[in-house]
């Protein structure tokens, strides 16, 4: 029966304090994005398979949890949230004034090979700006992330950036079809540059293949690698425009204090990106903890009008891995343990009302009723191991005097406090 108590491969149980840290990350994210004017959207966990299969890209399409429901409809557990947001927009939000700023926190599912920072169920916290006509909206994403990471204590981070419009322009010149473009982005994301080069060579696009090879060879350099490449290909005026967009984006990002670097060969595996893209990297982790970019006109895939859009998603569990063991977090654990050494109804009612009043005023309290004082030592040991700051002890004698005994579990001191001064004591501390 052991297999019944083990989670499925690629899935995880989270218990305190890890579960509390993950909740705290999500709560912190929600606070920040609301300050920027974003409103929350919630979408179903289960969607029509085609919603994601049409444009999410080869990697996500092949890693989806897909099955037929009882009505023989082909459905999928969401592998991401952006297509769902676009679906809701087309169904219910088209008439809302734009730009429309939305955020979400949702669990998503991908049947990937489990490894460090990659699970088959994980949480994404993200934003989407619909009607985002301007580079300032792409920069706003970095502004939000800068505020968010500062708020949770991730001080060392860098943004790896590029403009996939450059690759799309090369694909257009090489007359790549949609399937070939999807494969191009999939191979770029996986670092399989020879496969990318072969896609162009098979179309007879030798110059475009040389550009890809050059970008790969110079990927450790900055944006000058792209500029130098363009000097040798004067006919690529459209690419020059996309490079200038990237350069302005970098300047604006650095102006708000973000640490940004260009990887000229960087692309993301999701096929709907059309412009600026980025991923967030932190020291001592080889995987990104967040990523996003511009995905103009994803609405047209589902029969809608053209719509400029940009957005990002953070990996909550990856953020947790970046934080773990590096910071101290106030998770709102019960700080005070109340031990009532009496089970008579009058004493219980009196202390219950005191505890109720304190909780409603924002003080975190755990309330235990002991049948006798003989178990007091066991509860003091419990309080010490659970990290309580204070233990409030109330027996019949204290009840008669309208006082409580407060034991400081950090200093190992004890004092008597009038019952009507208890709130003041706890708030002051």
Protein backbone atom coordinates (compact mmCIF):
# COMPACT_ATOMS: atom_id res chain seq x y z
CA UNK A 1 0.00 0.00 0.00
CA UNK A 2 3.03 2.29 0.03
CA UNK A 3 2.25 3.58 -3.46
CA UNK A 4 -1.03 5.00 -2.20
CA UNK A 5 0.65 7.44 0.17
CA UNK A 6 3.30 8.56 -2.32
CA UNK A 7 2.49 11.47 -4.67
CA UNK A 8 2.55 10.70 -8.38
CA UNK A 9 5.90 11.15 -10.12
CA UNK A 10 6.48 14.81 -10.88
CA UNK A 11 3.99 15.99 -8.25
CA UNK A 12 4.83 17.25 -4.77
CA UNK A 13 3.36 17.64 -1.34
CA UNK A 14 4.22 20.87 0.49
CA UNK A 15 4.05 21.04 4.26
CA UNK A 16 4.91 23.88 6.70
CA UNK A 17 7.08 25.85 6.51
CA UNK A 18 7.51 25.29 2.73
CA UNK A 19 3.77 25.54 2.06
CA UNK A 20 3.62 28.80 4.02
CA UNK A 21 6.53 30.27 2.05
CA UNK A 22 4.84 29.44 -1.25
CA UNK A 23 1.61 31.08 -0.07
CA UNK A 24 3.61 34.09 1.11
CA UNK A 25 5.24 34.42 -2.33
CA UNK A 26 1.82 34.43 -4.00
CA UNK A 27 0.38 36.90 -1.50
CA UNK A 28 3.37 39.22 -1.98
CA UNK A 29 2.95 39.04 -5.76
CA UNK A 30 -0.73 39.93 -5.48
CA UNK A 31 0.04 42.97 -3.32
CA UNK A 32 2.59 44.31 -5.82
CA UNK A 33 0.58 43.87 -9.01
CA UNK A 34 -2.50 45.46 -7.46
CA UNK A 35 -0.40 48.55 -6.78
CA UNK A 36 0.23 48.72 -10.53
CA UNK A 37 -3.50 48.63 -11.27
CA UNK A 38 -3.89 44.97 -12.26
CA UNK A 39 -7.13 43.07 -11.64
CA UNK A 40 -7.34 39.36 -10.97
CA UNK A 41 -8.69 36.85 -13.47
CA UNK A 42 -9.48 33.21 -12.73
CA UNK A 43 -9.81 30.64 -15.49
CA UNK A 44 -10.70 26.92 -15.50
CA UNK A 45 -8.09 24.27 -14.84
CA UNK A 46 -9.54 22.20 -17.68
CA UNK A 47 -9.83 23.66 -21.17
CA UNK A 48 -10.43 22.57 -24.76
CA UNK A 49 -7.27 20.89 -26.03
CA UNK A 50 -7.24 23.01 -29.20
CA UNK A 51 -7.00 26.24 -27.19
CA UNK A 52 -3.39 25.36 -26.37
CA UNK A 53 -2.54 23.15 -29.34
CA UNK A 54 -3.10 25.90 -31.91
CA UNK A 55 -0.29 28.22 -30.90
CA UNK A 56 1.52 27.25 -27.70
CA UNK A 57 4.31 25.51 -29.56
CA UNK A 58 5.68 22.04 -30.08
CA UNK A 59 7.15 21.52 -26.62
CA UNK A 60 4.01 22.43 -24.66
CA UNK A 61 1.71 20.65 -27.09
CA UNK A 62 3.62 17.40 -26.67
CA UNK A 63 3.79 17.69 -22.88
CA UNK A 64 0.13 18.37 -22.17
CA UNK A 65 -2.10 16.17 -20.05
CA UNK A 66 -4.73 15.39 -22.69
CA UNK A 67 -7.74 13.08 -22.41
CA UNK A 68 -11.38 12.71 -23.42
CA UNK A 69 -14.08 13.58 -20.94
CA UNK A 70 -17.32 11.63 -20.52
CA UNK A 71 -18.84 13.51 -23.44
CA UNK A 72 -15.92 12.41 -25.67
CA UNK A 73 -14.54 15.96 -25.88
CA UNK A 74 -10.76 16.26 -26.14
CA UNK A 75 -9.67 18.36 -23.17
CA UNK A 76 -6.40 19.29 -21.47
CA UNK A 77 -5.20 20.38 -18.08
CA UNK A 78 -3.89 23.90 -18.71
CA UNK A 79 -0.13 23.90 -19.41
CA UNK A 80 -0.08 27.71 -19.12
CA UNK A 81 -2.59 30.52 -18.59
CA UNK A 82 -2.10 33.09 -21.39
CA UNK A 83 -4.33 31.34 -24.00
CA UNK A 84 -7.08 31.06 -21.37
CA UNK A 85 -6.82 34.80 -20.69
CA UNK A 86 -7.12 35.52 -24.42
CA UNK A 87 -10.15 33.22 -24.62
CA UNK A 88 -11.85 35.10 -21.77
CA UNK A 89 -10.96 38.43 -23.39
CA UNK A 90 -12.59 37.43 -26.68
CA UNK A 91 -15.68 36.11 -24.91
CA UNK A 92 -16.26 38.78 -22.26
CA UNK A 93 -13.75 41.65 -22.19
CA UNK A 94 -13.51 43.05 -25.71
CA UNK A 95 -15.49 46.18 -24.84
CA UNK A 96 -13.42 47.03 -21.77
CA UNK A 97 -11.24 50.16 -22.30
CA UNK A 98 -7.61 49.36 -23.04
CA UNK A 99 -4.94 48.85 -21.97
CA UNK A 100 -6.46 46.07 -19.87
CA UNK A 101 -4.21 44.90 -17.04
CA UNK A 102 -4.92 41.43 -15.64
CA UNK A 103 -3.11 39.10 -13.26
CA UNK A 104 -3.54 35.48 -12.22
CA UNK A 105 -2.18 32.87 -9.82
CA UNK A 106 -2.86 29.35 -11.06
CA UNK A 107 -1.61 25.80 -11.02
CA UNK A 108 -0.55 24.44 -14.41
CA UNK A 109 0.38 20.99 -15.66
CA UNK A 110 3.05 19.71 -18.05
CA UNK A 111 4.12 16.12 -18.54
CA UNK A 112 7.84 16.94 -18.49
CA UNK A 113 10.66 14.80 -17.21
CA UNK A 114 10.92 15.74 -13.52
CA UNK A 115 14.18 17.42 -12.51
CA UNK A 116 15.42 20.29 -10.37
CA UNK A 117 12.89 23.12 -10.56
CA UNK A 118 10.68 21.26 -13.01
CA UNK A 119 7.53 19.48 -11.85
CA UNK A 120 4.45 18.16 -13.60
CA UNK A 121 2.25 20.43 -11.54
CA UNK A 122 3.48 23.89 -10.61
CA UNK A 123 2.19 27.37 -9.90
CA UNK A 124 2.43 30.39 -12.17
CA UNK A 125 1.81 33.95 -11.02
CA UNK A 126 1.59 36.23 -14.01
CA UNK A 127 0.29 39.39 -15.64
CA UNK A 128 -1.05 40.21 -19.08
CA UNK A 129 -1.45 43.67 -20.62
CA UNK A 130 -3.99 43.56 -23.45
CA UNK A 131 -3.94 46.53 -25.79
CA UNK A 132 -0.28 47.20 -25.02
CA UNK A 133 0.69 49.45 -27.92
CA UNK A 134 4.11 50.68 -26.91
CA UNK A 135 7.50 49.63 -25.61
CA UNK A 136 6.71 51.22 -22.25
CA UNK A 137 4.39 48.29 -21.52
CA UNK A 138 7.23 45.81 -22.03
CA UNK A 139 9.31 47.87 -19.62
CA UNK A 140 6.42 47.95 -17.13
CA UNK A 141 6.78 44.18 -16.78
CA UNK A 142 10.35 44.69 -15.58
CA UNK A 143 9.19 47.44 -13.21
CA UNK A 144 6.72 45.03 -11.60
CA UNK A 145 9.31 42.29 -11.26
CA UNK A 146 11.85 44.69 -9.77
CA UNK A 147 9.32 45.72 -7.11
CA UNK A 148 8.26 42.13 -6.47
CA UNK A 149 11.78 40.72 -6.09
CA UNK A 150 12.78 43.56 -3.80
CA UNK A 151 9.71 42.90 -1.65
CA UNK A 152 10.55 39.22 -1.11
CA UNK A 153 14.30 39.60 -0.72
CA UNK A 154 15.75 38.37 -4.04
CA UNK A 155 18.32 41.11 -4.47
CA UNK A 156 20.60 39.49 -7.04
CA UNK A 157 18.84 38.96 -10.36
CA UNK A 158 19.49 39.59 -14.04
CA UNK A 159 17.24 39.80 -17.06
CA UNK A 160 18.31 37.91 -20.16
CA UNK A 161 16.64 39.61 -23.12
CA UNK A 162 16.27 39.47 -26.88
CA UNK A 163 13.86 40.42 -29.65
CA UNK A 164 12.41 37.38 -31.43
CA UNK A 165 11.12 39.67 -34.19
CA UNK A 166 14.67 39.30 -35.57
CA UNK A 167 14.18 35.53 -35.93
CA UNK A 168 10.71 36.04 -37.36
CA UNK A 169 12.10 38.42 -39.98
CA UNK A 170 14.72 35.85 -40.97
CA UNK A 171 12.00 33.20 -41.16
CA UNK A 172 9.88 35.47 -43.34
CA UNK A 173 12.78 36.07 -45.74
CA UNK A 174 13.43 32.31 -45.89
CA UNK A 175 9.69 31.65 -46.52
CA UNK A 176 9.37 29.32 -43.55
CA UNK A 177 5.83 28.06 -42.95
CA UNK A 178 4.16 28.08 -39.51
CA UNK A 179 5.24 24.54 -38.65
CA UNK A 180 8.84 25.34 -39.55
CA UNK A 181 8.74 28.54 -37.49
CA UNK A 182 7.45 26.58 -34.48
CA UNK A 183 10.25 24.05 -34.90
CA UNK A 184 12.76 26.91 -35.23
CA UNK A 185 11.71 28.38 -31.87
CA UNK A 186 11.65 24.95 -30.24
CA UNK A 187 15.22 24.23 -31.41
CA UNK A 188 16.42 27.71 -30.43
CA UNK A 189 14.97 27.25 -26.94
CA UNK A 190 16.74 23.90 -26.61
CA UNK A 191 20.06 25.24 -27.90
CA UNK A 192 19.93 22.99 -30.97
CA UNK A 193 21.34 25.60 -33.32
CA UNK A 194 22.55 23.15 -35.95
CA UNK A 195 18.95 22.00 -36.35
CA UNK A 196 17.87 25.63 -36.77
CA UNK A 197 20.55 26.22 -39.38
CA UNK A 198 19.43 23.10 -41.25
CA UNK A 199 15.83 24.38 -41.40
CA UNK A 200 17.07 27.47 -43.26
CA UNK A 201 19.48 25.55 -45.48
CA UNK A 202 16.72 23.14 -46.52
CA UNK A 203 14.80 26.18 -47.79
CA UNK A 204 17.87 27.41 -49.68
CA UNK A 205 18.17 30.39 -47.32
CA UNK A 206 21.96 30.37 -47.05
CA UNK A 207 22.39 33.97 -45.90
CA UNK A 208 19.76 33.56 -43.19
CA UNK A 209 21.48 30.38 -42.00
CA UNK A 210 24.75 32.32 -41.79
CA UNK A 211 23.05 34.97 -39.63
CA UNK A 212 21.79 32.29 -37.20
CA UNK A 213 25.26 30.75 -37.07
CA UNK A 214 26.82 34.16 -36.39
CA UNK A 215 24.37 34.96 -33.59
CA UNK A 216 25.06 31.61 -31.97
CA UNK A 217 28.83 32.07 -32.25
CA UNK A 218 28.66 35.58 -30.76
CA UNK A 219 26.00 34.86 -28.10
CA UNK A 220 28.37 35.58 -25.22
CA UNK A 221 28.81 39.14 -26.40
CA UNK A 222 26.39 42.03 -26.02
CA UNK A 223 24.11 43.66 -28.57
CA UNK A 224 27.10 44.83 -30.61
CA UNK A 225 27.21 41.28 -31.98
CA UNK A 226 23.92 41.88 -33.76
CA UNK A 227 24.92 45.37 -34.88
CA UNK A 228 28.18 44.09 -36.35
CA UNK A 229 26.32 41.34 -38.14
CA UNK A 230 23.91 43.81 -39.72
CA UNK A 231 26.75 45.85 -41.19
CA UNK A 232 27.49 42.91 -43.43
CA UNK A 233 23.86 42.50 -44.51
CA UNK A 234 22.74 45.94 -45.62
CA UNK A 235 19.56 44.57 -47.20
CA UNK A 236 18.17 43.60 -43.78
CA UNK A 237 16.58 46.97 -43.00
CA UNK A 238 13.65 45.37 -41.21
CA UNK A 239 16.01 43.55 -38.87
CA UNK A 240 17.71 46.86 -38.11
CA UNK A 241 14.35 48.21 -36.91
CA UNK A 242 13.94 45.28 -34.52
CA UNK A 243 17.48 45.75 -33.23
CA UNK A 244 16.80 49.42 -32.53
CA UNK A 245 13.67 48.41 -30.59
CA UNK A 246 15.76 46.02 -28.52
CA UNK A 247 18.39 48.70 -27.86
CA UNK A 248 15.75 51.19 -26.67
CA UNK A 249 14.20 48.52 -24.44
CA UNK A 250 17.58 47.85 -22.86
CA UNK A 251 18.16 51.56 -22.26
CA UNK A 252 14.73 51.96 -20.64
CA UNK A 253 15.25 48.86 -18.50
CA UNK A 254 18.61 50.05 -17.27
CA UNK A 255 17.10 53.49 -16.57
CA UNK A 256 14.84 51.91 -13.92
CA UNK A 257 17.79 50.11 -12.35
CA UNK A 258 17.36 46.62 -13.84
CA UNK A 259 20.43 44.52 -14.63
CA UNK A 260 19.96 43.47 -18.26
CA UNK A 261 22.09 41.54 -20.69
CA UNK A 262 21.47 40.46 -24.29
CA UNK A 263 21.77 36.94 -25.59
CA UNK A 264 21.51 37.31 -29.41
CA UNK A 265 20.62 33.60 -29.78
CA UNK A 266 18.04 33.54 -26.98
CA UNK A 267 14.47 32.46 -27.78
CA UNK A 268 11.65 30.94 -25.77
CA UNK A 269 9.97 27.68 -26.75
CA UNK A 270 6.42 29.06 -26.82
CA UNK A 271 5.57 29.81 -30.44
CA UNK A 272 3.33 32.86 -30.03
CA UNK A 273 6.03 35.38 -29.00
CA UNK A 274 6.49 38.16 -31.56
CA UNK A 275 8.85 40.74 -30.05
CA UNK A 276 10.76 41.50 -26.86
CA UNK A 277 11.28 38.47 -24.63
CA UNK A 278 13.09 37.97 -21.34
CA UNK A 279 13.91 35.49 -18.60
CA UNK A 280 14.96 36.19 -15.02
CA UNK A 281 18.15 34.52 -13.81
CA UNK A 282 19.56 34.36 -10.27
CA UNK A 283 22.95 33.23 -8.93
CA UNK A 284 23.54 29.51 -8.36
CA UNK A 285 20.54 28.44 -10.45
CA UNK A 286 20.90 27.30 -14.06
CA UNK A 287 17.17 27.68 -14.73
CA UNK A 288 15.12 30.85 -14.99
CA UNK A 289 12.65 31.78 -12.26
CA UNK A 290 10.38 33.89 -14.50
CA UNK A 291 9.92 34.76 -18.13
CA UNK A 292 7.69 36.47 -20.62
CA UNK A 293 7.47 38.83 -23.53
CA UNK A 294 5.38 40.34 -26.27
CA UNK A 295 2.81 38.20 -28.10
CA UNK A 296 0.93 40.54 -30.44
CA UNK A 297 -2.17 39.25 -32.21
CA UNK A 298 -2.55 35.91 -30.44
CA UNK A 299 -6.25 36.87 -30.57
CA UNK A 300 -6.32 36.30 -34.34
CA UNK A 301 -5.51 32.61 -33.86
CA UNK A 302 -8.93 32.23 -32.26
CA UNK A 303 -10.80 34.33 -34.81
CA UNK A 304 -10.52 37.67 -33.02
CA UNK A 305 -9.25 41.09 -34.06
CA UNK A 306 -5.60 42.12 -33.86
CA UNK A 307 -4.47 43.05 -30.35
CA UNK A 308 -1.06 44.09 -29.04
CA UNK A 309 -0.23 42.19 -25.85
CA UNK A 310 2.62 41.49 -23.50
CA UNK A 311 3.00 39.61 -20.23
CA UNK A 312 5.05 37.37 -17.97
CA UNK A 313 4.74 34.51 -15.50
CA UNK A 314 6.91 33.73 -12.52
CA UNK A 315 7.50 30.14 -11.49
CA UNK A 316 6.40 30.17 -7.85
CA UNK A 317 8.17 26.94 -6.93
CA UNK A 318 11.35 28.09 -8.67
CA UNK A 319 11.14 31.36 -6.77
CA UNK A 320 10.80 29.31 -3.61
CA UNK A 321 13.97 27.38 -4.52
CA UNK A 322 15.80 30.68 -5.06
CA UNK A 323 14.67 31.94 -1.66
CA UNK A 324 15.07 28.82 0.46
CA UNK A 325 17.74 29.02 3.14
CA UNK A 326 18.61 32.57 2.13
CA UNK A 327 16.13 34.74 4.03
CA UNK A 328 14.05 34.86 7.14
CA UNK A 329 10.37 35.30 6.41
CA UNK A 330 7.65 36.41 8.77
CA UNK A 331 5.01 33.86 7.80
CA UNK A 332 2.45 34.84 10.39
CA UNK A 333 2.84 31.70 12.48
CA UNK A 334 1.03 31.68 15.84
CA UNK A 335 3.28 33.74 18.07
CA UNK A 336 1.36 33.22 21.27
CA UNK A 337 0.10 30.03 22.90
CA UNK A 338 -2.66 30.34 25.52
CA UNK A 339 -2.86 27.47 28.02
CA UNK A 340 -6.01 27.39 30.15
CA UNK A 341 -5.40 25.10 33.14
CA UNK A 342 -9.08 24.64 33.84
CA UNK A 343 -11.99 23.02 32.10
CA UNK A 344 -14.83 24.71 33.95
CA UNK A 345 -17.26 26.46 31.63
CA UNK A 346 -16.99 29.88 33.29
CA UNK A 347 -13.22 30.05 32.91
CA UNK A 348 -13.38 28.69 29.35
CA UNK A 349 -16.00 31.27 28.33
CA UNK A 350 -13.99 34.12 29.80
CA UNK A 351 -10.72 33.17 28.09
CA UNK A 352 -12.46 32.27 24.84
CA UNK A 353 -13.85 35.80 24.60
CA UNK A 354 -10.43 37.31 25.38
CA UNK A 355 -8.75 35.19 22.70
CA UNK A 356 -11.51 35.98 20.20
CA UNK A 357 -11.06 39.72 20.78
CA UNK A 358 -7.28 39.49 20.35
CA UNK A 359 -7.54 37.48 17.13
CA UNK A 360 -9.95 40.00 15.63
CA UNK A 361 -7.41 42.70 16.33
CA UNK A 362 -4.82 40.86 14.28
CA UNK A 363 -2.95 39.02 17.01
CA UNK A 364 -2.17 35.39 16.17
CA UNK A 365 -3.04 33.05 19.03
CA UNK A 366 -3.34 29.31 19.52
CA UNK A 367 -5.71 28.36 22.36
CA UNK A 368 -5.44 25.06 24.28
CA UNK A 369 -7.50 23.83 27.23
CA UNK A 370 -5.65 21.52 29.65
CA UNK A 371 -7.52 19.24 32.01
CA UNK A 372 -4.83 19.67 34.65
CA UNK A 373 -1.57 21.48 35.30
CA UNK A 374 0.30 18.19 35.19
CA UNK A 375 0.63 18.43 31.41
CA UNK A 376 2.07 21.95 31.51
CA UNK A 377 5.69 20.87 30.98
CA UNK A 378 4.72 18.91 27.88
CA UNK A 379 3.02 22.01 26.37
CA UNK A 380 5.98 24.23 27.21
CA UNK A 381 8.22 21.82 25.35
CA UNK A 382 5.75 21.89 22.45
CA UNK A 383 5.81 25.71 22.43
CA UNK A 384 9.59 25.76 22.37
CA UNK A 385 9.83 23.35 19.43
CA UNK A 386 7.10 25.14 17.47
CA UNK A 387 8.78 28.52 17.83
CA UNK A 388 6.20 30.39 19.88
CA UNK A 389 7.31 33.71 21.30
CA UNK A 390 5.05 33.65 24.34
CA UNK A 391 3.05 31.18 26.38
CA UNK A 392 0.16 32.62 28.38
CA UNK A 393 -0.71 30.44 31.37
CA UNK A 394 -4.08 30.86 33.08
CA UNK A 395 -5.19 28.79 36.05
CA UNK A 396 -7.99 29.22 38.57
CA UNK A 397 -5.81 31.45 40.76
CA UNK A 398 -5.00 33.76 37.83
CA UNK A 399 -8.64 33.80 36.80
CA UNK A 400 -9.73 34.96 40.24
CA UNK A 401 -7.15 37.76 40.19
CA UNK A 402 -7.93 38.71 36.55
CA UNK A 403 -4.29 38.25 35.55
CA UNK A 404 -2.31 35.93 33.31
CA UNK A 405 1.23 34.59 33.55
CA UNK A 406 3.26 35.27 30.41
CA UNK A 407 6.38 33.24 29.75
CA UNK A 408 8.84 34.66 27.20
CA UNK A 409 10.09 31.57 25.32
CA UNK A 410 13.11 33.36 23.86
CA UNK A 411 14.40 35.01 27.03
CA UNK A 412 13.11 32.34 29.44
CA UNK A 413 11.58 34.99 31.67
CA UNK A 414 8.12 35.12 33.23
CA UNK A 415 5.86 37.93 34.45
CA UNK A 416 2.31 38.52 35.60
CA UNK A 417 0.15 40.84 33.48
CA UNK A 418 -3.39 42.14 34.23
CA UNK A 419 -5.93 40.59 31.87
CA UNK A 420 -7.11 43.97 30.64
CA UNK A 421 -3.49 44.88 29.74
CA UNK A 422 -2.86 41.70 27.72
CA UNK A 423 -3.49 43.23 24.32
CA UNK A 424 -1.23 46.20 25.05
CA UNK A 425 1.52 43.83 26.17
CA UNK A 426 1.36 41.69 23.00
CA UNK A 427 1.13 44.64 20.61
CA UNK A 428 4.04 46.40 22.31
CA UNK A 429 6.15 43.29 21.94
